[in-house]
Amino acid sequence: MAETNITSDVASTDELQLVNRARAGDAAAFNSLVERYERKIYRLAKNITQNDEDAEDVLQDTFLKAYEHLPDFQGNSKFYTWLVRIGVNEALMKLRKRKTDRTVPLDEPVDTGEETVVREIAVWDEDPEKKYSQEELGQILNEAVQSLKPAFRTVFVLRDIEELSTEETAQSLNISIPAVKSRLLRARLQLREKLTRFFKRKGDNVFAYL
């Protein structure tokens, strides 16, 4: 555990040095930050927009805005958290421009609703892992995630796919920690319901992490 913390501290120090150099006008330092995070930002954008072309646009716009606003980065959070916040905003703007996906404002309050929390999820007769390949299960789960409303999908992607902490997710989306927890719970419950309807079988081990 101590070794992990040391590695993390070194990485954070290295990142801060790159950011400081980039703010001072070192293009190579900023390119290093781009290379470090471009795949993650693209994956994030693809999960939100569900479109390769839009994800590419979001990726470019995110780093352009990050470069333009580097002087505004105060270092109160990790650079990646700040970058994710820009990427999420750009991705949601893409969805709004499309006007084909009903968006939910990120600052809209969400009530978990006790009746939703206690709703029972059906069980299945056969283990889905025995019936479907890992690739097929991944596709099924991906389609279920994409069917979530953007506000829920975004929180789920950041917490359960990108593995940001609750605090980092809240910072990235500029919402409260309780709002993150509420939306993540709603997302997980909705995914369980969608997948239950899909399989109509017993056994829920494949979704143990939800």
N, C-alpha and C. Protein backbone atom coordinates (compact mmCIF):
# COMPACT_ATOMS: atom_id res chain seq x y z
N MET A 1 0.82 -1.19 0.00
CA MET A 1 0.00 0.00 0.00
C MET A 1 0.86 1.25 0.00
N ALA A 2 1.92 1.24 0.81
CA ALA A 2 2.82 2.38 0.89
C ALA A 2 3.50 2.63 -0.45
N GLU A 3 3.88 1.53 -1.13
CA GLU A 3 4.53 1.66 -2.42
C GLU A 3 3.58 2.28 -3.44
N THR A 4 2.29 1.89 -3.36
CA THR A 4 1.28 2.45 -4.26
C THR A 4 1.13 3.94 -4.05
N ASN A 5 1.11 4.36 -2.76
CA ASN A 5 0.97 5.77 -2.46
C ASN A 5 2.16 6.57 -2.96
N ILE A 6 3.36 6.00 -2.83
CA ILE A 6 4.58 6.67 -3.30
C ILE A 6 4.52 6.85 -4.82
N THR A 7 4.11 5.78 -5.51
CA THR A 7 3.98 5.85 -6.97
C THR A 7 2.99 6.92 -7.38
N SER A 8 1.86 6.98 -6.65
CA SER A 8 0.83 7.97 -6.94
C SER A 8 1.35 9.38 -6.73
N ASP A 9 2.10 9.57 -5.63
CA ASP A 9 2.66 10.88 -5.33
C ASP A 9 3.64 11.32 -6.41
N VAL A 10 4.46 10.38 -6.87
CA VAL A 10 5.44 10.69 -7.92
C VAL A 10 4.72 11.09 -9.20
N ALA A 11 3.66 10.34 -9.53
CA ALA A 11 2.89 10.64 -10.75
C ALA A 11 2.25 12.02 -10.66
N SER A 12 1.71 12.35 -9.47
CA SER A 12 1.08 13.65 -9.27
C SER A 12 2.09 14.77 -9.39
N THR A 13 3.29 14.55 -8.83
CA THR A 13 4.35 15.56 -8.91
C THR A 13 4.78 15.75 -10.37
N ASP A 14 4.94 14.64 -11.08
CA ASP A 14 5.32 14.70 -12.49
C ASP A 14 4.27 15.45 -13.30
N GLU A 15 3.00 15.16 -13.03
CA GLU A 15 1.90 15.83 -13.73
C GLU A 15 1.93 17.32 -13.46
N LEU A 16 2.11 17.69 -12.20
CA LEU A 16 2.14 19.11 -11.83
C LEU A 16 3.29 19.83 -12.52
N GLN A 17 4.41 19.16 -12.63
CA GLN A 17 5.56 19.76 -13.31
C GLN A 17 5.25 19.99 -14.78
N LEU A 18 4.60 19.01 -15.41
CA LEU A 18 4.22 19.17 -16.82
C LEU A 18 3.24 20.32 -16.99
N VAL A 19 2.28 20.41 -16.08
CA VAL A 19 1.29 21.48 -16.15
C VAL A 19 1.96 22.84 -16.00
N ASN A 20 2.85 22.96 -15.03
CA ASN A 20 3.56 24.23 -14.81
C ASN A 20 4.40 24.62 -16.02
N ARG A 21 5.05 23.63 -16.62
CA ARG A 21 5.86 23.91 -17.82
C ARG A 21 4.96 24.33 -18.98
N ALA A 22 3.81 23.66 -19.11
CA ALA A 22 2.87 23.99 -20.18
C ALA A 22 2.33 25.40 -19.99
N ARG A 23 2.04 25.77 -18.76
CA ARG A 23 1.54 27.12 -18.48
C ARG A 23 2.58 28.18 -18.79
N ALA A 24 3.83 27.77 -18.73
CA ALA A 24 4.93 28.70 -19.02
C ALA A 24 5.22 28.77 -20.52
N GLY A 25 4.43 28.01 -21.32
CA GLY A 25 4.59 28.07 -22.76
C GLY A 25 5.35 26.92 -23.38
N ASP A 26 5.62 25.87 -22.59
CA ASP A 26 6.34 24.71 -23.11
C ASP A 26 5.36 23.79 -23.85
N ALA A 27 5.38 23.85 -25.18
CA ALA A 27 4.45 23.06 -25.99
C ALA A 27 4.69 21.56 -25.83
N ALA A 28 5.95 21.18 -25.67
CA ALA A 28 6.28 19.76 -25.52
C ALA A 28 5.65 19.20 -24.24
N ALA A 29 5.63 20.00 -23.20
CA ALA A 29 5.04 19.56 -21.93
C ALA A 29 3.54 19.34 -22.10
N PHE A 30 2.88 20.25 -22.81
CA PHE A 30 1.44 20.08 -23.03
C PHE A 30 1.18 18.86 -23.91
N ASN A 31 2.02 18.65 -24.90
CA ASN A 31 1.88 17.45 -25.75
C ASN A 31 2.00 16.18 -24.93
N SER A 32 2.85 16.21 -23.92
CA SER A 32 2.99 15.04 -23.04
C SER A 32 1.70 14.80 -22.27
N LEU A 33 1.04 15.86 -21.85
CA LEU A 33 -0.24 15.73 -21.14
C LEU A 33 -1.31 15.18 -22.09
N VAL A 34 -1.29 15.65 -23.34
CA VAL A 34 -2.23 15.15 -24.34
C VAL A 34 -2.03 13.66 -24.55
N GLU A 35 -0.79 13.25 -24.74
CA GLU A 35 -0.50 11.83 -24.96
C GLU A 35 -0.89 10.98 -23.76
N ARG A 36 -0.77 11.54 -22.57
CA ARG A 36 -1.09 10.79 -21.36
C ARG A 36 -2.59 10.55 -21.21
N TYR A 37 -3.41 11.52 -21.65
CA TYR A 37 -4.84 11.45 -21.35
C TYR A 37 -5.76 11.37 -22.56
N GLU A 38 -5.23 11.43 -23.78
CA GLU A 38 -6.12 11.50 -24.94
C GLU A 38 -7.00 10.25 -25.09
N ARG A 39 -6.46 9.08 -24.79
CA ARG A 39 -7.26 7.86 -24.92
C ARG A 39 -8.40 7.84 -23.91
N LYS A 40 -8.10 8.30 -22.69
CA LYS A 40 -9.14 8.33 -21.66
C LYS A 40 -10.24 9.32 -22.01
N ILE A 41 -9.84 10.50 -22.50
CA ILE A 41 -10.84 11.51 -22.86
C ILE A 41 -11.67 11.06 -24.05
N TYR A 42 -11.02 10.39 -25.01
CA TYR A 42 -11.77 9.87 -26.16
C TYR A 42 -12.79 8.82 -25.70
N ARG A 43 -12.35 7.91 -24.84
CA ARG A 43 -13.25 6.87 -24.35
C ARG A 43 -14.42 7.48 -23.59
N LEU A 44 -14.13 8.49 -22.77
CA LEU A 44 -15.17 9.20 -22.03
C LEU A 44 -16.17 9.84 -23.00
N ALA A 45 -15.62 10.53 -24.01
CA ALA A 45 -16.48 11.21 -24.99
C ALA A 45 -17.33 10.22 -25.77
N LYS A 46 -16.74 9.09 -26.12
CA LYS A 46 -17.48 8.06 -26.88
C LYS A 46 -18.61 7.48 -26.03
N ASN A 47 -18.35 7.27 -24.75
CA ASN A 47 -19.38 6.72 -23.88
C ASN A 47 -20.55 7.68 -23.70
N ILE A 48 -20.27 8.98 -23.75
CA ILE A 48 -21.33 9.97 -23.56
C ILE A 48 -22.06 10.25 -24.87
N THR A 49 -21.31 10.46 -25.96
CA THR A 49 -21.93 10.83 -27.23
C THR A 49 -22.40 9.64 -28.05
N GLN A 50 -21.80 8.47 -27.80
CA GLN A 50 -22.14 7.24 -28.51
C GLN A 50 -21.87 7.37 -30.01
N ASN A 51 -20.88 8.17 -30.36
CA ASN A 51 -20.61 8.44 -31.76
C ASN A 51 -19.12 8.70 -31.95
N ASP A 52 -18.49 7.99 -32.87
CA ASP A 52 -17.05 8.13 -33.09
C ASP A 52 -16.65 9.53 -33.54
N GLU A 53 -17.40 10.07 -34.50
CA GLU A 53 -17.07 11.40 -35.03
C GLU A 53 -17.21 12.47 -33.97
N ASP A 54 -18.30 12.39 -33.21
CA ASP A 54 -18.51 13.36 -32.13
C ASP A 54 -17.42 13.23 -31.06
N ALA A 55 -17.03 11.99 -30.78
CA ALA A 55 -15.99 11.76 -29.77
C ALA A 55 -14.67 12.37 -30.21
N GLU A 56 -14.36 12.27 -31.49
CA GLU A 56 -13.14 12.89 -32.02
C GLU A 56 -13.20 14.41 -31.87
N ASP A 57 -14.37 14.98 -32.18
CA ASP A 57 -14.54 16.43 -32.04
C ASP A 57 -14.39 16.86 -30.59
N VAL A 58 -15.00 16.09 -29.71
CA VAL A 58 -14.92 16.40 -28.27
C VAL A 58 -13.48 16.33 -27.79
N LEU A 59 -12.76 15.31 -28.25
CA LEU A 59 -11.35 15.16 -27.87
C LEU A 59 -10.55 16.40 -28.26
N GLN A 60 -10.71 16.84 -29.50
CA GLN A 60 -9.96 18.01 -29.97
C GLN A 60 -10.38 19.27 -29.22
N ASP A 61 -11.69 19.46 -29.08
CA ASP A 61 -12.18 20.66 -28.41
C ASP A 61 -11.75 20.70 -26.94
N THR A 62 -11.71 19.54 -26.32
CA THR A 62 -11.32 19.47 -24.90
C THR A 62 -9.89 19.96 -24.71
N PHE A 63 -8.98 19.46 -25.53
CA PHE A 63 -7.58 19.86 -25.36
C PHE A 63 -7.32 21.29 -25.84
N LEU A 64 -8.07 21.75 -26.83
CA LEU A 64 -7.94 23.14 -27.26
C LEU A 64 -8.36 24.08 -26.13
N LYS A 65 -9.51 23.76 -25.49
CA LYS A 65 -9.99 24.60 -24.40
C LYS A 65 -9.06 24.50 -23.19
N ALA A 66 -8.55 23.31 -22.95
CA ALA A 66 -7.63 23.13 -21.83
C ALA A 66 -6.39 23.99 -22.03
N TYR A 67 -5.89 24.01 -23.25
CA TYR A 67 -4.69 24.81 -23.55
C TYR A 67 -4.98 26.30 -23.39
N GLU A 68 -6.16 26.72 -23.89
CA GLU A 68 -6.53 28.13 -23.81
C GLU A 68 -6.72 28.58 -22.37
N HIS A 69 -7.20 27.68 -21.52
CA HIS A 69 -7.54 28.05 -20.15
C HIS A 69 -6.54 27.54 -19.12
N LEU A 70 -5.38 27.12 -19.57
CA LEU A 70 -4.36 26.66 -18.62
C LEU A 70 -4.07 27.67 -17.52
N PRO A 71 -4.03 28.98 -17.84
CA PRO A 71 -3.78 29.95 -16.76
C PRO A 71 -4.85 29.94 -15.67
N ASP A 72 -6.05 29.43 -16.02
CA ASP A 72 -7.15 29.38 -15.04
C ASP A 72 -7.07 28.17 -14.12
N PHE A 73 -6.23 27.20 -14.49
CA PHE A 73 -6.11 26.00 -13.65
C PHE A 73 -5.34 26.35 -12.38
N GLN A 74 -6.03 26.25 -11.25
CA GLN A 74 -5.45 26.66 -9.98
C GLN A 74 -4.74 25.54 -9.23
N GLY A 75 -4.91 24.30 -9.69
CA GLY A 75 -4.28 23.19 -9.00
C GLY A 75 -5.01 22.73 -7.77
N ASN A 76 -6.28 23.17 -7.60
CA ASN A 76 -7.06 22.74 -6.44
C ASN A 76 -7.55 21.29 -6.59
N SER A 77 -7.52 20.79 -7.80
CA SER A 77 -7.86 19.39 -8.06
C SER A 77 -6.80 18.83 -8.99
N LYS A 78 -6.89 17.54 -9.26
CA LYS A 78 -5.96 16.94 -10.21
C LYS A 78 -6.21 17.52 -11.61
N PHE A 79 -5.16 17.61 -12.40
CA PHE A 79 -5.31 18.13 -13.76
C PHE A 79 -6.29 17.27 -14.55
N TYR A 80 -6.22 15.95 -14.36
CA TYR A 80 -7.11 15.06 -15.10
C TYR A 80 -8.56 15.31 -14.73
N THR A 81 -8.83 15.58 -13.45
CA THR A 81 -10.20 15.89 -13.02
C THR A 81 -10.69 17.15 -13.71
N TRP A 82 -9.83 18.15 -13.79
CA TRP A 82 -10.17 19.40 -14.47
C TRP A 82 -10.41 19.14 -15.95
N LEU A 83 -9.59 18.30 -16.54
CA LEU A 83 -9.71 17.96 -17.96
C LEU A 83 -11.01 17.21 -18.22
N VAL A 84 -11.36 16.30 -17.34
CA VAL A 84 -12.60 15.54 -17.48
C VAL A 84 -13.80 16.49 -17.45
N ARG A 85 -13.73 17.48 -16.60
CA ARG A 85 -14.83 18.44 -16.51
C ARG A 85 -15.04 19.15 -17.84
N ILE A 86 -13.95 19.55 -18.47
CA ILE A 86 -14.05 20.19 -19.79
C ILE A 86 -14.62 19.21 -20.81
N GLY A 87 -14.10 17.97 -20.80
CA GLY A 87 -14.55 16.96 -21.74
C GLY A 87 -16.03 16.64 -21.61
N VAL A 88 -16.50 16.53 -20.37
CA VAL A 88 -17.92 16.25 -20.13
C VAL A 88 -18.78 17.39 -20.68
N ASN A 89 -18.38 18.62 -20.41
CA ASN A 89 -19.14 19.77 -20.90
C ASN A 89 -19.21 19.78 -22.42
N GLU A 90 -18.08 19.48 -23.07
CA GLU A 90 -18.05 19.46 -24.53
C GLU A 90 -18.93 18.33 -25.07
N ALA A 91 -18.89 17.18 -24.43
CA ALA A 91 -19.71 16.04 -24.88
C ALA A 91 -21.20 16.33 -24.72
N LEU A 92 -21.58 16.94 -23.60
CA LEU A 92 -22.99 17.26 -23.38
C LEU A 92 -23.46 18.34 -24.36
N MET A 93 -22.58 19.27 -24.72
CA MET A 93 -22.94 20.26 -25.72
C MET A 93 -23.23 19.60 -27.06
N LYS A 94 -22.45 18.55 -27.37
CA LYS A 94 -22.70 17.80 -28.61
C LYS A 94 -24.09 17.19 -28.60
N LEU A 95 -24.47 16.63 -27.46
CA LEU A 95 -25.78 16.00 -27.35
C LEU A 95 -26.89 17.04 -27.51
N ARG A 96 -26.71 18.20 -26.90
CA ARG A 96 -27.73 19.24 -26.99
C ARG A 96 -27.90 19.73 -28.43
N LYS A 97 -26.77 19.86 -29.13
CA LYS A 97 -26.83 20.32 -30.52
C LYS A 97 -27.53 19.30 -31.41
N ARG A 98 -27.39 18.05 -31.05
CA ARG A 98 -28.01 17.00 -31.84
C ARG A 98 -29.54 17.06 -31.76
N LYS A 99 -30.02 17.41 -30.57
CA LYS A 99 -31.46 17.55 -30.31
C LYS A 99 -32.23 16.24 -30.52
N THR A 100 -31.52 15.14 -30.52
CA THR A 100 -32.19 13.85 -30.67
C THR A 100 -32.13 13.05 -29.38
N ASP A 101 -31.39 13.58 -28.39
CA ASP A 101 -31.25 12.88 -27.11
C ASP A 101 -31.70 13.83 -26.03
N ARG A 102 -32.73 13.48 -25.29
CA ARG A 102 -33.21 14.36 -24.23
C ARG A 102 -32.16 14.43 -23.13
N THR A 103 -31.64 15.61 -22.89
CA THR A 103 -30.61 15.78 -21.89
C THR A 103 -31.21 16.24 -20.58
N VAL A 104 -30.49 15.95 -19.51
CA VAL A 104 -30.88 16.39 -18.18
C VAL A 104 -29.79 17.31 -17.67
N PRO A 105 -30.11 18.57 -17.35
CA PRO A 105 -29.08 19.49 -16.86
C PRO A 105 -28.34 18.89 -15.69
N LEU A 106 -27.02 19.11 -15.64
CA LEU A 106 -26.20 18.51 -14.60
C LEU A 106 -26.53 19.06 -13.23
N ASP A 107 -27.15 20.26 -13.18
CA ASP A 107 -27.47 20.82 -11.88
C ASP A 107 -28.90 20.51 -11.46
N GLU A 108 -29.60 19.68 -12.25
CA GLU A 108 -30.97 19.33 -11.89
C GLU A 108 -30.96 18.35 -10.73
N PRO A 109 -31.71 18.65 -9.65
CA PRO A 109 -31.73 17.74 -8.51
C PRO A 109 -32.38 16.41 -8.87
N VAL A 110 -31.84 15.34 -8.33
CA VAL A 110 -32.38 14.01 -8.61
C VAL A 110 -32.71 13.32 -7.30
N ASP A 111 -33.95 12.89 -7.18
CA ASP A 111 -34.39 12.21 -5.98
C ASP A 111 -34.30 10.71 -6.22
N THR A 112 -33.58 10.00 -5.35
CA THR A 112 -33.43 8.57 -5.56
C THR A 112 -34.77 7.86 -5.47
N GLY A 113 -35.63 8.26 -4.53
CA GLY A 113 -36.93 7.64 -4.41
C GLY A 113 -36.83 6.29 -3.73
N GLU A 114 -37.36 6.17 -2.55
CA GLU A 114 -37.21 4.92 -1.79
C GLU A 114 -37.83 3.74 -2.51
N GLU A 115 -38.94 4.02 -3.25
CA GLU A 115 -39.60 2.91 -3.94
C GLU A 115 -38.72 2.32 -5.02
N THR A 116 -37.82 3.14 -5.58
CA THR A 116 -36.90 2.63 -6.59
C THR A 116 -35.80 1.79 -5.96
N VAL A 117 -35.31 2.27 -4.81
CA VAL A 117 -34.22 1.59 -4.14
C VAL A 117 -34.61 0.19 -3.70
N VAL A 118 -35.85 0.02 -3.24
CA VAL A 118 -36.24 -1.27 -2.70
C VAL A 118 -36.85 -2.19 -3.76
N ARG A 119 -36.98 -1.70 -4.99
CA ARG A 119 -37.56 -2.54 -6.02
C ARG A 119 -36.75 -3.81 -6.21
N GLU A 120 -37.43 -4.96 -6.26
CA GLU A 120 -36.71 -6.23 -6.40
C GLU A 120 -36.33 -6.45 -7.85
N ILE A 121 -35.17 -7.05 -8.02
CA ILE A 121 -34.69 -7.37 -9.35
C ILE A 121 -34.88 -8.87 -9.59
N ALA A 122 -35.46 -9.21 -10.74
CA ALA A 122 -35.68 -10.62 -11.03
C ALA A 122 -34.36 -11.37 -11.14
N VAL A 123 -34.41 -12.67 -10.83
CA VAL A 123 -33.21 -13.49 -10.96
C VAL A 123 -33.37 -14.40 -12.17
N TRP A 124 -32.25 -14.97 -12.62
CA TRP A 124 -32.24 -15.75 -13.86
C TRP A 124 -31.90 -17.21 -13.58
N ASP A 125 -32.43 -18.10 -14.43
CA ASP A 125 -32.22 -19.53 -14.26
C ASP A 125 -30.82 -19.97 -14.64
N GLU A 126 -30.22 -19.26 -15.60
CA GLU A 126 -28.92 -19.69 -16.13
C GLU A 126 -27.91 -18.57 -16.01
N ASP A 127 -26.69 -18.91 -15.67
CA ASP A 127 -25.62 -17.94 -15.57
C ASP A 127 -25.36 -17.33 -16.95
N PRO A 128 -25.53 -16.00 -17.11
CA PRO A 128 -25.30 -15.38 -18.43
C PRO A 128 -23.89 -15.62 -18.96
N GLU A 129 -22.91 -15.78 -18.06
CA GLU A 129 -21.54 -15.98 -18.51
C GLU A 129 -21.37 -17.31 -19.24
N LYS A 130 -22.28 -18.25 -18.98
CA LYS A 130 -22.21 -19.55 -19.65
C LYS A 130 -22.92 -19.50 -21.01
N LYS A 131 -23.83 -18.55 -21.14
CA LYS A 131 -24.62 -18.46 -22.36
C LYS A 131 -24.02 -17.50 -23.37
N TYR A 132 -23.32 -16.47 -22.88
CA TYR A 132 -22.77 -15.46 -23.75
C TYR A 132 -21.26 -15.36 -23.58
N SER A 133 -20.57 -14.99 -24.64
CA SER A 133 -19.13 -14.76 -24.56
C SER A 133 -18.89 -13.43 -23.86
N GLN A 134 -17.66 -13.21 -23.41
CA GLN A 134 -17.32 -11.95 -22.74
C GLN A 134 -17.56 -10.77 -23.69
N GLU A 135 -17.27 -10.97 -24.98
CA GLU A 135 -17.47 -9.90 -25.96
C GLU A 135 -18.95 -9.56 -26.10
N GLU A 136 -19.79 -10.61 -26.13
CA GLU A 136 -21.23 -10.40 -26.24
C GLU A 136 -21.78 -9.72 -25.00
N LEU A 137 -21.31 -10.15 -23.82
CA LEU A 137 -21.76 -9.52 -22.58
C LEU A 137 -21.34 -8.06 -22.54
N GLY A 138 -20.12 -7.79 -23.02
CA GLY A 138 -19.65 -6.41 -23.04
C GLY A 138 -20.52 -5.54 -23.93
N GLN A 139 -20.92 -6.08 -25.08
CA GLN A 139 -21.77 -5.34 -26.01
C GLN A 139 -23.15 -5.10 -25.40
N ILE A 140 -23.67 -6.12 -24.74
CA ILE A 140 -24.99 -6.00 -24.10
C ILE A 140 -24.96 -4.91 -23.02
N LEU A 141 -23.92 -4.95 -22.19
CA LEU A 141 -23.79 -3.96 -21.13
C LEU A 141 -23.59 -2.56 -21.71
N ASN A 142 -22.78 -2.46 -22.78
CA ASN A 142 -22.52 -1.17 -23.41
C ASN A 142 -23.81 -0.55 -23.94
N GLU A 143 -24.64 -1.36 -24.57
CA GLU A 143 -25.90 -0.86 -25.11
C GLU A 143 -26.83 -0.42 -23.98
N ALA A 144 -26.79 -1.13 -22.86
CA ALA A 144 -27.62 -0.75 -21.72
C ALA A 144 -27.15 0.58 -21.14
N VAL A 145 -25.83 0.76 -21.04
CA VAL A 145 -25.27 2.01 -20.54
C VAL A 145 -25.66 3.17 -21.45
N GLN A 146 -25.57 2.95 -22.75
CA GLN A 146 -25.89 4.00 -23.71
C GLN A 146 -27.35 4.41 -23.67
N SER A 147 -28.22 3.52 -23.18
CA SER A 147 -29.64 3.84 -23.14
C SER A 147 -30.01 4.72 -21.94
N LEU A 148 -29.07 4.90 -21.01
CA LEU A 148 -29.34 5.75 -19.84
C LEU A 148 -29.42 7.21 -20.26
N LYS A 149 -30.16 8.01 -19.51
CA LYS A 149 -30.19 9.45 -19.76
C LYS A 149 -28.79 10.00 -19.52
N PRO A 150 -28.40 11.04 -20.26
CA PRO A 150 -27.03 11.57 -20.18
C PRO A 150 -26.54 11.87 -18.77
N ALA A 151 -27.37 12.47 -17.93
CA ALA A 151 -26.92 12.83 -16.58
C ALA A 151 -26.54 11.59 -15.78
N PHE A 152 -27.32 10.52 -15.92
CA PHE A 152 -27.03 9.27 -15.21
C PHE A 152 -25.86 8.55 -15.86
N ARG A 153 -25.87 8.51 -17.21
CA ARG A 153 -24.82 7.82 -17.94
C ARG A 153 -23.45 8.43 -17.65
N THR A 154 -23.40 9.77 -17.59
CA THR A 154 -22.13 10.45 -17.36
C THR A 154 -21.54 10.09 -16.01
N VAL A 155 -22.37 10.10 -14.97
CA VAL A 155 -21.89 9.74 -13.64
C VAL A 155 -21.44 8.29 -13.60
N PHE A 156 -22.21 7.40 -14.23
CA PHE A 156 -21.84 5.98 -14.24
C PHE A 156 -20.51 5.78 -14.95
N VAL A 157 -20.33 6.46 -16.08
CA VAL A 157 -19.07 6.34 -16.83
C VAL A 157 -17.89 6.81 -15.99
N LEU A 158 -18.04 7.96 -15.34
CA LEU A 158 -16.93 8.50 -14.56
C LEU A 158 -16.60 7.62 -13.35
N ARG A 159 -17.63 7.13 -12.65
CA ARG A 159 -17.38 6.36 -11.42
C ARG A 159 -17.04 4.90 -11.71
N ASP A 160 -17.81 4.24 -12.54
CA ASP A 160 -17.67 2.79 -12.67
C ASP A 160 -16.83 2.35 -13.88
N ILE A 161 -16.63 3.24 -14.84
CA ILE A 161 -15.80 2.88 -15.99
C ILE A 161 -14.44 3.58 -15.90
N GLU A 162 -14.47 4.90 -15.71
CA GLU A 162 -13.20 5.64 -15.59
C GLU A 162 -12.61 5.52 -14.18
N GLU A 163 -13.42 5.07 -13.22
CA GLU A 163 -12.99 4.81 -11.84
C GLU A 163 -12.51 6.07 -11.11
N LEU A 164 -13.15 7.21 -11.40
CA LEU A 164 -12.88 8.39 -10.60
C LEU A 164 -13.55 8.22 -9.24
N SER A 165 -13.03 8.89 -8.23
CA SER A 165 -13.65 8.84 -6.91
C SER A 165 -14.93 9.67 -6.93
N THR A 166 -15.75 9.51 -5.90
CA THR A 166 -16.97 10.30 -5.80
C THR A 166 -16.64 11.79 -5.78
N GLU A 167 -15.60 12.15 -5.04
CA GLU A 167 -15.19 13.55 -4.93
C GLU A 167 -14.73 14.09 -6.28
N GLU A 168 -13.93 13.30 -7.00
CA GLU A 168 -13.43 13.73 -8.31
C GLU A 168 -14.57 13.87 -9.31
N THR A 169 -15.53 12.95 -9.24
CA THR A 169 -16.68 13.03 -10.13
C THR A 169 -17.49 14.28 -9.86
N ALA A 170 -17.69 14.58 -8.59
CA ALA A 170 -18.43 15.79 -8.21
C ALA A 170 -17.72 17.04 -8.72
N GLN A 171 -16.40 17.07 -8.58
CA GLN A 171 -15.62 18.21 -9.06
C GLN A 171 -15.70 18.32 -10.57
N SER A 172 -15.61 17.20 -11.26
CA SER A 172 -15.63 17.20 -12.71
C SER A 172 -16.95 17.72 -13.26
N LEU A 173 -18.05 17.38 -12.59
CA LEU A 173 -19.37 17.75 -13.07
C LEU A 173 -19.92 19.00 -12.39
N ASN A 174 -19.18 19.50 -11.40
CA ASN A 174 -19.61 20.69 -10.66
C ASN A 174 -20.95 20.47 -9.99
N ILE A 175 -21.12 19.29 -9.41
CA ILE A 175 -22.32 18.98 -8.64
C ILE A 175 -21.90 18.48 -7.26
N SER A 176 -22.85 18.32 -6.38
CA SER A 176 -22.53 17.90 -5.02
C SER A 176 -22.25 16.41 -4.95
N ILE A 177 -21.56 16.00 -3.88
CA ILE A 177 -21.29 14.58 -3.67
C ILE A 177 -22.60 13.79 -3.50
N PRO A 178 -23.59 14.29 -2.74
CA PRO A 178 -24.87 13.56 -2.66
C PRO A 178 -25.53 13.39 -4.03
N ALA A 179 -25.39 14.38 -4.91
CA ALA A 179 -25.98 14.27 -6.25
C ALA A 179 -25.28 13.17 -7.04
N VAL A 180 -23.95 13.07 -6.89
CA VAL A 180 -23.21 12.00 -7.56
C VAL A 180 -23.71 10.64 -7.08
N LYS A 181 -23.82 10.48 -5.77
CA LYS A 181 -24.26 9.20 -5.21
C LYS A 181 -25.67 8.86 -5.66
N SER A 182 -26.53 9.87 -5.69
CA SER A 182 -27.92 9.65 -6.11
C SER A 182 -27.99 9.20 -7.55
N ARG A 183 -27.27 9.89 -8.43
CA ARG A 183 -27.33 9.56 -9.85
C ARG A 183 -26.68 8.21 -10.14
N LEU A 184 -25.61 7.91 -9.41
CA LEU A 184 -24.96 6.62 -9.61
C LEU A 184 -25.89 5.49 -9.19
N LEU A 185 -26.59 5.68 -8.09
CA LEU A 185 -27.54 4.67 -7.64
C LEU A 185 -28.65 4.48 -8.66
N ARG A 186 -29.18 5.59 -9.16
CA ARG A 186 -30.24 5.51 -10.17
C ARG A 186 -29.74 4.80 -11.42
N ALA A 187 -28.52 5.13 -11.83
CA ALA A 187 -27.95 4.50 -13.03
C ALA A 187 -27.80 3.00 -12.84
N ARG A 188 -27.28 2.60 -11.70
CA ARG A 188 -27.07 1.17 -11.44
C ARG A 188 -28.40 0.43 -11.38
N LEU A 189 -29.39 1.02 -10.73
CA LEU A 189 -30.70 0.38 -10.64
C LEU A 189 -31.35 0.25 -12.01
N GLN A 190 -31.25 1.31 -12.82
CA GLN A 190 -31.83 1.25 -14.16
C GLN A 190 -31.13 0.21 -15.02
N LEU A 191 -29.80 0.10 -14.87
CA LEU A 191 -29.07 -0.91 -15.63
C LEU A 191 -29.51 -2.31 -15.22
N ARG A 192 -29.67 -2.53 -13.93
CA ARG A 192 -30.13 -3.84 -13.46
C ARG A 192 -31.49 -4.17 -14.07
N GLU A 193 -32.39 -3.20 -14.08
CA GLU A 193 -33.73 -3.44 -14.62
C GLU A 193 -33.66 -3.75 -16.12
N LYS A 194 -32.87 -2.98 -16.85
CA LYS A 194 -32.75 -3.19 -18.28
C LYS A 194 -32.16 -4.57 -18.58
N LEU A 195 -31.13 -4.95 -17.82
CA LEU A 195 -30.47 -6.22 -18.06
C LEU A 195 -31.34 -7.40 -17.60
N THR A 196 -32.13 -7.16 -16.56
CA THR A 196 -33.06 -8.20 -16.10
C THR A 196 -34.08 -8.48 -17.19
N ARG A 197 -34.61 -7.43 -17.77
CA ARG A 197 -35.60 -7.62 -18.85
C ARG A 197 -34.96 -8.31 -20.05
N PHE A 198 -33.68 -8.03 -20.27
CA PHE A 198 -33.00 -8.63 -21.42
C PHE A 198 -32.80 -10.13 -21.23
N PHE A 199 -32.29 -10.50 -20.08
CA PHE A 199 -31.95 -11.91 -19.88
C PHE A 199 -33.15 -12.76 -19.46
N LYS A 200 -33.98 -12.20 -18.57
CA LYS A 200 -35.14 -12.94 -18.07
C LYS A 200 -34.73 -14.33 -17.56
N ARG A 201 -33.59 -14.35 -16.90
CA ARG A 201 -33.07 -15.61 -16.37
C ARG A 201 -32.60 -15.40 -14.94
N LYS A 202 -32.23 -16.48 -14.26
CA LYS A 202 -31.74 -16.39 -12.89
C LYS A 202 -30.23 -16.28 -12.84
N GLY A 203 -29.76 -15.65 -11.77
CA GLY A 203 -28.33 -15.51 -11.53
C GLY A 203 -27.87 -14.12 -11.87
N ASP A 204 -27.29 -13.38 -10.88
CA ASP A 204 -26.91 -12.00 -11.12
C ASP A 204 -25.43 -11.74 -10.92
N ASN A 205 -24.59 -12.79 -10.95
CA ASN A 205 -23.18 -12.60 -10.63
C ASN A 205 -22.46 -11.74 -11.66
N VAL A 206 -22.94 -11.72 -12.90
CA VAL A 206 -22.27 -10.94 -13.93
C VAL A 206 -22.40 -9.45 -13.66
N PHE A 207 -23.37 -9.05 -12.82
CA PHE A 207 -23.56 -7.65 -12.52
C PHE A 207 -23.22 -7.34 -11.06
N ALA A 208 -22.37 -8.15 -10.49
CA ALA A 208 -22.04 -7.98 -9.07
C ALA A 208 -21.42 -6.65 -8.78
N TYR A 209 -20.74 -6.06 -9.79
CA TYR A 209 -20.05 -4.80 -9.55
C TYR A 209 -20.99 -3.61 -9.65
N LEU A 210 -22.20 -3.79 -10.15
CA LEU A 210 -23.12 -2.67 -10.30
C LEU A 210 -23.69 -2.26 -8.96
